[in-house]
Amino acid sequence: MKINSTDFLVRPGEAIDLNKWPTRVAPVYDSKDHSHELLGKQVKELSKLQQLHYASSRFAVLLIFQAMDAAGKDSTIKHVMSGINPQGCQVFSFKHPTPSELEHDFLWRTYQCMPERGRIGIFNRSYYEEVLIVRVHPEILQGQGVPIPLKEKKIIWEERYRSISEMENHLYRNGTRIVKFFLHISKEEQRKRFLDRIDKPEKNWKFSFADIEERKFWKQYMQAYEACLSSTSTKNAPWYVVPADDKVNSRLIISQIILDTFNSLDMHFPELDKERREALESIRKELEKEGLEKEGSVSSKP
């Protein structure tokens, strides 16, 4: 089965009902070995494209991962980006804001982590938490230092969507390409993965009691995600809703979307001017001469 990225694309202006978006689709692989083969090919191709991306230094690429707990963000980043040169990649995971961060606007702490041209930036959670968890738990606004008139406005979420979209458009105009993934997991699959974390000692550290508390707000989170995806998926910064009940399948889908993104960029290795090429040719001749002299000295020894 060929992966068509647009099957998972949230089109600009599209009203999202996550109940109508599958959390599992037909696998694109035939067996476990086949899935390893497919992902291996994708990782190898992505590695080549990253080298070109780093050398051309024309664009920056930002990958954003959002999901409910246990949807597989960490493992997806680990597997899909396994062939990436660490020198050209930056990964950030955003937790609760610090007191210093709360003294600034809600985009400030993440904006400082945007990737430079030639690099890949990965946000494991992002500024979108400010219209997701904060919307589900509006009491968080009380501790954010937001002016009271703003907190009392009923349109605060629409204003934040607007701020996010305007920032993303600004980044696009300056060479950053943004791809956003929502790993869509079912509540039942999350239950199974939580049990797995409890039953296997080596996974106990992954389990958080806070995750169970947030699970109680599942319906509210789905509503927050629907509003967010519908309001902030744009041509310049699209959202992709990736079925996440099958981790292997979701990795292959995400990997292909990333490859499609890189292949859409106008990248090429830097071209040397005449003076530079002549200088390199001169150095080449010197190195060849040095090699011949070394060979001659060795052969002349008794």
Protein backbone atom coordinates (compact mmCIF):
# COMPACT_ATOMS: atom_id res chain seq x y z
CA MET A 1 0.00 0.00 0.00
CA LYS A 2 1.43 3.37 -0.99
CA ILE A 3 1.27 6.13 1.60
CA ASN A 4 -0.55 9.23 0.39
CA SER A 5 0.25 12.12 2.71
CA THR A 6 -2.89 14.04 1.78
CA ASP A 7 -5.06 11.27 3.25
CA PHE A 8 -4.07 12.55 6.69
CA LEU A 9 -3.99 16.27 5.92
CA VAL A 10 -6.31 18.71 7.69
CA ARG A 11 -7.23 21.11 4.93
CA PRO A 12 -7.38 24.83 5.74
CA GLY A 13 -10.78 25.82 7.06
CA GLU A 14 -11.90 22.21 7.47
CA ALA A 15 -14.13 21.60 10.50
CA ILE A 16 -12.73 18.59 12.35
CA ASP A 17 -14.76 15.90 14.09
CA LEU A 18 -12.19 13.48 15.50
CA ASN A 19 -14.86 10.80 15.86
CA LYS A 20 -14.82 10.59 12.06
CA TRP A 21 -11.03 10.33 11.82
CA PRO A 22 -9.73 6.77 12.31
CA THR A 23 -7.24 5.84 15.00
CA ARG A 24 -6.28 2.75 13.00
CA VAL A 25 -6.06 2.16 9.24
CA ALA A 26 -5.00 -0.75 7.04
CA PRO A 27 -1.27 -1.34 7.58
CA VAL A 28 1.10 -0.29 4.83
CA TYR A 29 3.37 -3.24 5.70
CA ASP A 30 2.87 -7.00 5.28
CA SER A 31 4.88 -8.25 8.24
CA LYS A 32 7.21 -7.13 11.02
CA ASP A 33 10.25 -7.73 8.81
CA HIS A 34 8.62 -5.81 5.97
CA SER A 35 7.93 -2.85 8.27
CA HIS A 36 11.61 -2.78 9.31
CA GLU A 37 12.61 -2.85 5.64
CA LEU A 38 10.26 -0.01 4.73
CA LEU A 39 11.29 2.19 7.64
CA GLY A 40 14.95 1.45 6.95
CA LYS A 41 14.58 2.72 3.39
CA GLN A 42 12.78 5.84 4.56
CA VAL A 43 15.39 6.57 7.23
CA LYS A 44 18.18 6.15 4.67
CA GLU A 45 16.49 8.52 2.24
CA LEU A 46 15.80 11.04 4.98
CA SER A 47 19.47 10.91 6.00
CA LYS A 48 20.51 11.85 2.45
CA LEU A 49 17.97 14.65 2.28
CA GLN A 50 19.12 15.98 5.64
CA GLN A 51 22.68 16.17 4.36
CA LEU A 52 21.48 18.17 1.37
CA HIS A 53 19.30 20.32 3.64
CA TYR A 54 22.24 21.05 5.95
CA ALA A 55 24.60 21.85 3.07
CA SER A 56 22.19 24.08 1.15
CA SER A 57 21.18 25.98 4.33
CA ARG A 58 18.21 27.61 2.60
CA PHE A 59 15.37 26.42 4.79
CA ALA A 60 14.69 25.44 8.38
CA VAL A 61 12.29 22.57 9.07
CA LEU A 62 10.19 22.42 12.23
CA LEU A 63 8.35 19.20 13.13
CA ILE A 64 5.71 19.49 15.86
CA PHE A 65 4.30 16.45 17.66
CA GLN A 66 1.15 16.69 19.75
CA ALA A 67 -0.91 13.85 21.20
CA MET A 68 -2.63 12.40 24.21
CA ASP A 69 -0.43 10.52 26.66
CA ALA A 70 0.95 7.14 25.46
CA ALA A 71 0.24 7.91 21.80
CA GLY A 72 3.87 7.25 20.89
CA LYS A 73 5.48 10.65 20.34
CA ASP A 74 8.80 9.71 21.93
CA SER A 75 9.17 6.38 20.16
CA THR A 76 8.15 7.92 16.83
CA ILE A 77 10.83 10.58 17.09
CA LYS A 78 13.37 7.92 18.11
CA HIS A 79 12.64 5.55 15.21
CA VAL A 80 11.85 7.97 12.38
CA MET A 81 14.79 10.26 13.10
CA SER A 82 17.26 7.45 13.89
CA GLY A 83 19.38 8.18 10.80
CA ILE A 84 19.62 11.92 11.35
CA ASN A 85 22.99 13.54 12.04
CA PRO A 86 22.66 15.04 15.55
CA GLN A 87 24.65 18.09 14.41
CA GLY A 88 21.77 19.11 12.18
CA CYS A 89 18.89 18.35 14.51
CA GLN A 90 17.51 19.88 17.70
CA VAL A 91 14.84 18.28 19.92
CA PHE A 92 12.92 20.21 22.55
CA SER A 93 10.33 18.93 25.00
CA PHE A 94 8.27 21.59 26.73
CA LYS A 95 7.04 21.02 30.26
CA HIS A 96 5.34 23.42 32.68
CA PRO A 97 6.48 27.02 32.12
CA THR A 98 9.03 28.43 34.55
CA PRO A 99 8.30 31.61 36.55
CA SER A 100 10.57 33.52 34.15
CA GLU A 101 8.74 32.16 31.09
CA LEU A 102 5.40 33.15 32.59
CA GLU A 103 6.56 36.76 32.63
CA HIS A 104 6.48 36.74 28.81
CA ASP A 105 3.80 36.07 26.20
CA PHE A 106 2.79 32.45 25.65
CA LEU A 107 4.88 32.05 22.47
CA TRP A 108 8.12 33.47 23.87
CA ARG A 109 9.71 30.34 25.34
CA THR A 110 9.19 28.23 22.23
CA TYR A 111 10.16 30.95 19.76
CA GLN A 112 13.67 30.95 21.22
CA CYS A 113 14.02 27.29 20.21
CA MET A 114 13.17 27.67 16.53
CA PRO A 115 15.65 25.89 14.22
CA GLU A 116 18.22 27.77 12.17
CA ARG A 117 18.34 27.41 8.39
CA GLY A 118 19.84 24.08 7.44
CA ARG A 119 18.62 22.39 10.61
CA ILE A 120 15.66 20.30 11.71
CA GLY A 121 13.83 21.34 14.86
CA ILE A 122 11.59 18.88 16.68
CA PHE A 123 9.06 20.01 19.27
CA ASN A 124 7.77 17.19 21.49
CA ARG A 125 4.72 19.18 22.60
CA SER A 126 4.86 22.86 21.80
CA TYR A 127 3.20 26.24 22.03
CA TYR A 128 -0.01 24.41 21.15
CA GLU A 129 -0.23 23.30 24.78
CA GLU A 130 -1.42 26.85 25.44
CA VAL A 131 -4.64 26.18 23.52
CA LEU A 132 -4.98 22.54 24.60
CA ILE A 133 -4.20 21.82 28.25
CA VAL A 134 -4.82 25.47 29.18
CA ARG A 135 -8.19 25.36 27.44
CA VAL A 136 -9.14 22.14 29.23
CA HIS A 137 -7.90 23.63 32.52
CA PRO A 138 -8.62 27.38 32.20
CA GLU A 139 -7.62 27.87 35.84
CA ILE A 140 -4.02 27.68 34.60
CA LEU A 141 -4.54 31.15 33.13
CA GLN A 142 -4.75 32.52 36.67
CA GLY A 143 -1.09 31.75 37.21
CA GLN A 144 0.14 33.02 33.85
CA GLY A 145 0.14 36.69 34.64
CA VAL A 146 -2.29 37.39 31.80
CA PRO A 147 -4.04 40.76 32.24
CA ILE A 148 -7.48 40.32 33.77
CA PRO A 149 -9.40 41.87 30.81
CA LEU A 150 -7.83 39.29 28.50
CA LYS A 151 -8.66 36.38 30.80
CA GLU A 152 -12.28 37.46 30.93
CA LYS A 153 -12.68 37.62 27.16
CA LYS A 154 -14.61 34.74 25.64
CA ILE A 155 -12.52 35.02 22.50
CA ILE A 156 -9.12 34.39 24.12
CA TRP A 157 -8.73 31.07 22.30
CA GLU A 158 -9.53 32.56 18.91
CA GLU A 159 -7.00 35.30 19.65
CA ARG A 160 -4.36 32.71 20.52
CA TYR A 161 -5.09 30.74 17.34
CA ARG A 162 -4.62 33.97 15.42
CA SER A 163 -1.32 34.71 17.18
CA ILE A 164 -0.06 31.19 16.42
CA SER A 165 -1.05 31.33 12.74
CA GLU A 166 0.48 34.78 12.28
CA MET A 167 3.73 33.59 13.85
CA GLU A 168 3.81 30.48 11.66
CA ASN A 169 3.18 32.56 8.55
CA HIS A 170 6.01 34.88 9.57
CA LEU A 171 8.34 31.87 9.96
CA TYR A 172 7.27 30.52 6.56
CA ARG A 173 8.02 33.84 4.88
CA ASN A 174 11.51 33.66 6.37
CA GLY A 175 12.31 30.13 5.25
CA THR A 176 10.96 27.85 7.98
CA ARG A 177 8.77 24.96 6.86
CA ILE A 178 6.46 23.70 9.60
CA VAL A 179 4.80 20.27 9.67
CA LYS A 180 2.50 19.41 12.56
CA PHE A 181 1.46 15.91 13.62
CA PHE A 182 -1.43 14.95 15.86
CA LEU A 183 -1.03 11.28 16.81
CA HIS A 184 -4.64 10.16 17.03
CA ILE A 185 -4.97 7.37 19.60
CA SER A 186 -8.21 5.83 20.85
CA LYS A 187 -9.11 5.89 24.53
CA GLU A 188 -9.17 2.08 24.56
CA GLU A 189 -5.66 1.83 23.10
CA GLN A 190 -4.41 4.32 25.66
CA ARG A 191 -5.91 2.12 28.41
CA LYS A 192 -3.99 -0.91 27.07
CA ARG A 193 -0.71 1.01 26.90
CA PHE A 194 -1.14 2.31 30.45
CA LEU A 195 -1.63 -1.28 31.63
CA ASP A 196 1.47 -2.31 29.72
CA ARG A 197 3.47 0.38 31.51
CA ILE A 198 2.21 -0.89 34.86
CA ASP A 199 2.73 -4.61 34.12
CA LYS A 200 6.28 -4.31 32.78
CA PRO A 201 8.84 -3.17 35.39
CA GLU A 202 11.11 -1.71 32.73
CA LYS A 203 8.26 0.61 31.70
CA ASN A 204 7.12 1.64 35.19
CA TRP A 205 9.12 4.85 34.95
CA LYS A 206 6.98 5.96 32.01
CA PHE A 207 3.80 5.85 34.05
CA SER A 208 2.58 9.06 35.61
CA PHE A 209 -0.35 9.43 37.97
CA ALA A 210 -1.02 12.76 36.26
CA ASP A 211 -1.73 10.83 33.05
CA ILE A 212 -4.62 9.04 34.74
CA GLU A 213 -6.03 12.32 35.97
CA GLU A 214 -5.86 13.85 32.48
CA ARG A 215 -7.57 10.77 31.04
CA LYS A 216 -10.71 11.83 32.94
CA PHE A 217 -10.85 14.89 30.67
CA TRP A 218 -10.70 12.89 27.43
CA LYS A 219 -13.86 14.43 25.95
CA GLN A 220 -12.69 17.96 26.74
CA TYR A 221 -9.30 17.28 25.18
CA MET A 222 -10.88 15.96 22.00
CA GLN A 223 -12.97 19.12 21.77
CA ALA A 224 -9.88 21.28 22.33
CA TYR A 225 -7.95 19.39 19.65
CA GLU A 226 -10.84 19.68 17.19
CA ALA A 227 -11.00 23.45 17.65
CA CYS A 228 -7.21 23.76 17.44
CA LEU A 229 -6.78 21.63 14.32
CA SER A 230 -9.66 23.35 12.55
CA SER A 231 -8.36 26.84 13.35
CA THR A 232 -4.60 26.45 12.81
CA SER A 233 -4.09 24.07 9.89
CA THR A 234 -2.96 26.30 7.04
CA LYS A 235 -1.26 25.91 3.69
CA ASN A 236 1.99 27.17 5.18
CA ALA A 237 1.78 25.12 8.39
CA PRO A 238 -0.45 22.07 7.90
CA TRP A 239 -1.69 19.61 10.49
CA TYR A 240 -1.70 15.87 9.81
CA VAL A 241 -3.94 13.58 11.86
CA VAL A 242 -2.05 10.28 12.00
CA PRO A 243 -3.81 7.08 13.20
CA ALA A 244 -1.72 6.02 16.21
CA ASP A 245 -3.26 2.80 17.52
CA ASP A 246 -0.71 0.93 15.39
CA LYS A 247 2.67 2.46 16.30
CA VAL A 248 4.54 0.81 13.44
CA ASN A 249 2.07 2.07 10.87
CA SER A 250 2.05 5.60 12.29
CA ARG A 251 5.86 5.78 12.09
CA LEU A 252 5.82 4.81 8.43
CA ILE A 253 3.12 7.39 7.67
CA ILE A 254 4.92 10.18 9.53
CA SER A 255 8.24 9.29 7.94
CA GLN A 256 6.68 9.52 4.46
CA ILE A 257 5.10 12.90 5.22
CA ILE A 258 8.48 14.23 6.34
CA LEU A 259 10.12 12.87 3.18
CA ASP A 260 7.46 14.50 1.04
CA THR A 261 8.12 17.80 2.82
CA PHE A 262 11.85 17.67 2.13
CA ASN A 263 11.35 16.59 -1.47
CA SER A 264 9.13 19.62 -2.03
CA LEU A 265 11.96 22.00 -1.11
CA ASP A 266 14.26 23.56 -3.69
CA MET A 267 17.56 22.33 -2.26
CA HIS A 268 20.94 21.88 -3.89
CA PHE A 269 24.55 21.67 -2.83
CA PRO A 270 26.36 25.04 -2.89
CA GLU A 271 27.97 25.82 -6.24
CA LEU A 272 31.55 27.07 -6.24
CA ASP A 273 32.62 30.11 -8.22
CA LYS A 274 35.52 29.97 -10.70
CA GLU A 275 38.08 31.32 -8.24
CA ARG A 276 37.14 28.74 -5.62
CA ARG A 277 37.26 25.86 -8.10
CA GLU A 278 40.70 26.95 -9.30
CA ALA A 279 41.93 27.13 -5.71
CA LEU A 280 40.68 23.60 -5.03
CA GLU A 281 42.32 22.30 -8.19
CA SER A 282 45.61 23.85 -7.12
CA ILE A 283 45.34 22.19 -3.70
CA ARG A 284 44.47 18.89 -5.39
CA LYS A 285 47.65 19.02 -7.46
CA GLU A 286 49.74 19.74 -4.37
CA LEU A 287 48.25 16.76 -2.54
CA GLU A 288 48.81 14.48 -5.53
CA LYS A 289 52.40 15.67 -5.80
CA GLU A 290 52.92 14.98 -2.11
CA GLY A 291 51.59 11.45 -2.58
CA LEU A 292 53.90 10.75 -5.54
CA GLU A 293 56.92 12.03 -3.62
CA LYS A 294 56.05 9.77 -0.70
CA GLU A 295 55.69 6.74 -2.97
CA GLY A 296 59.06 7.55 -4.60
CA SER A 297 60.85 7.76 -1.25
CA VAL A 298 59.42 4.41 -0.16
CA SER A 299 60.38 2.62 -3.39
CA SER A 300 63.95 3.97 -3.26
CA LYS A 301 64.65 2.40 0.12
CA PRO A 302 66.84 -0.78 0.03
